[in-house]
Amino acid sequence: MRALIQRVTRASVTVGDQMVAEIGPGLLVLLGVSRTDSERDAEWLADKVRSLRVFPDSSGRMNEALDGREVLCVSQFTLYGDARRGSRPSYVAAAPPEQAKPLYERFCERIGARRGVFGAM
């Protein structure tokens, strides 16, 4: 699994014309699932992201974990794109949707994230 994280003051996901999820201060997580990932990987990564000390404390040092902040999770298979050859990325390392969706859901449940719509563009 790969997680690209971004600290945000607020974030939202819109599908079509409808906002499906939004958060206040916290983390936006773009989550990619590979063919070799398991439920154990999803749980480990959720725990890891939750414990990352990426928020400033009262001294301004990156010393605080997620604590009471929110998480917005968006599935992103392109994190497994391989563009080393040619000009068209290969996504063969990304898990197929039927394998990726349960692991995405498990990650989101474990970390307590609001989420986008799996597979939506």
Protein backbone atom coordinates (compact mmCIF):
# COMPACT_ATOMS: atom_id res chain seq x y z
CA MET A 1 0.00 0.00 0.00
CA ARG A 2 1.02 3.55 -0.64
CA ALA A 3 -0.37 6.58 1.12
CA LEU A 4 0.32 10.11 0.02
CA ILE A 5 -0.64 12.36 2.92
CA GLN A 6 -1.26 16.09 3.00
CA ARG A 7 -2.02 18.22 6.04
CA VAL A 8 -5.10 20.32 5.37
CA THR A 9 -7.12 23.02 7.11
CA ARG A 10 -10.14 21.67 5.23
CA ALA A 11 -10.75 19.30 2.33
CA SER A 12 -13.67 17.85 0.42
CA VAL A 13 -14.47 15.32 -2.31
CA THR A 14 -16.98 16.09 -5.03
CA VAL A 15 -18.34 13.46 -7.43
CA GLY A 16 -20.23 14.99 -10.31
CA ASP A 17 -21.97 17.98 -8.77
CA GLN A 18 -22.37 16.45 -5.32
CA MET A 19 -20.03 16.84 -2.36
CA VAL A 20 -19.72 13.37 -0.84
CA ALA A 21 -17.34 14.08 2.05
CA GLU A 22 -15.58 16.95 3.76
CA ILE A 23 -13.35 17.50 6.76
CA GLY A 24 -11.90 20.32 8.80
CA PRO A 25 -8.28 20.33 10.02
CA GLY A 26 -6.52 17.01 9.54
CA LEU A 27 -5.09 14.81 6.81
CA LEU A 28 -6.04 14.12 3.22
CA VAL A 29 -4.86 10.59 2.35
CA LEU A 30 -4.58 9.40 -1.25
CA LEU A 31 -4.42 5.61 -0.91
CA GLY A 32 -3.10 3.15 -3.47
CA VAL A 33 -3.46 -0.61 -3.10
CA SER A 34 -1.10 -3.08 -4.78
CA ARG A 35 -1.72 -6.66 -5.89
CA THR A 36 0.36 -8.00 -3.00
CA ASP A 37 -1.37 -6.07 -0.19
CA SER A 38 -3.34 -7.76 2.58
CA GLU A 39 -5.72 -6.74 5.35
CA ARG A 40 -2.75 -6.76 7.69
CA ASP A 41 -1.01 -4.17 5.46
CA ALA A 42 -4.12 -1.95 5.55
CA GLU A 43 -4.26 -2.09 9.34
CA TRP A 44 -0.53 -1.47 9.73
CA LEU A 45 -0.60 1.54 7.41
CA ALA A 46 -3.68 3.02 9.10
CA ASP A 47 -1.96 2.75 12.47
CA LYS A 48 1.23 4.25 11.02
CA VAL A 49 -0.55 7.24 9.46
CA ARG A 50 -2.52 7.82 12.67
CA SER A 51 0.70 7.94 14.71
CA LEU A 52 2.79 10.14 12.38
CA ARG A 53 3.84 13.30 14.19
CA VAL A 54 3.22 15.76 11.37
CA PHE A 55 1.35 18.53 13.20
CA PRO A 56 3.04 21.37 15.07
CA ASP A 57 2.95 21.52 18.85
CA SER A 58 2.75 24.77 20.84
CA SER A 59 6.45 25.38 20.10
CA GLY A 60 5.93 25.00 16.36
CA ARG A 61 7.80 21.67 16.18
CA MET A 62 6.31 18.76 14.24
CA ASN A 63 5.54 16.80 17.35
CA GLU A 64 1.81 16.02 17.39
CA ALA A 65 0.00 13.06 15.87
CA LEU A 66 -3.50 13.04 14.41
CA ASP A 67 -5.24 13.03 17.81
CA GLY A 68 -8.69 14.65 17.40
CA ARG A 69 -8.15 15.81 13.83
CA GLU A 70 -10.06 14.39 10.88
CA VAL A 71 -9.02 12.21 7.93
CA LEU A 72 -10.36 12.22 4.38
CA CYS A 73 -9.36 9.18 2.32
CA VAL A 74 -9.50 8.96 -1.48
CA SER A 75 -8.63 5.83 -3.46
CA GLN A 76 -5.85 6.49 -5.97
CA PHE A 77 -4.65 3.55 -8.07
CA THR A 78 -2.32 5.87 -10.02
CA LEU A 79 0.09 5.80 -7.05
CA TYR A 80 1.18 2.46 -8.52
CA GLY A 81 1.76 3.84 -12.02
CA ASP A 82 5.10 2.85 -13.57
CA ALA A 83 6.34 5.32 -16.19
CA ARG A 84 9.92 4.07 -16.47
CA ARG A 85 9.37 2.88 -20.03
CA GLY A 86 7.62 4.62 -22.86
CA SER A 87 5.14 7.45 -22.43
CA ARG A 88 2.14 5.48 -21.17
CA PRO A 89 2.21 4.50 -17.49
CA SER A 90 1.61 0.86 -16.60
CA TYR A 91 -0.72 0.10 -13.70
CA VAL A 92 -0.17 -3.67 -13.48
CA ALA A 93 1.15 -3.34 -9.91
CA ALA A 94 -2.14 -1.77 -8.76
CA ALA A 95 -4.70 -4.16 -7.32
CA PRO A 96 -7.85 -4.78 -9.37
CA PRO A 97 -10.97 -3.07 -7.94
CA GLU A 98 -12.45 -6.25 -6.44
CA GLN A 99 -9.25 -6.73 -4.40
CA ALA A 100 -8.54 -3.06 -3.68
CA LYS A 101 -11.96 -1.95 -2.45
CA PRO A 102 -12.13 -4.15 0.70
CA LEU A 103 -8.58 -3.10 1.66
CA TYR A 104 -9.40 0.57 1.05
CA GLU A 105 -12.51 0.18 3.22
CA ARG A 106 -10.50 -1.58 5.95
CA PHE A 107 -7.90 1.21 6.00
CA CYS A 108 -10.64 3.86 6.22
CA GLU A 109 -12.48 2.04 9.01
CA ARG A 110 -9.31 1.50 11.02
CA ILE A 111 -8.24 5.14 10.85
CA GLY A 112 -11.78 6.52 11.18
CA ALA A 113 -11.73 8.37 7.85
CA ARG A 114 -14.44 10.01 5.86
CA ARG A 115 -14.10 8.80 2.32
CA GLY A 116 -14.68 9.49 -1.31
CA VAL A 117 -16.53 7.11 -3.61
CA PHE A 118 -14.30 4.17 -4.53
CA GLY A 119 -13.64 4.12 -8.29
CA ALA A 120 -15.30 7.49 -8.99
CA MET A 121 -13.58 10.04 -11.20
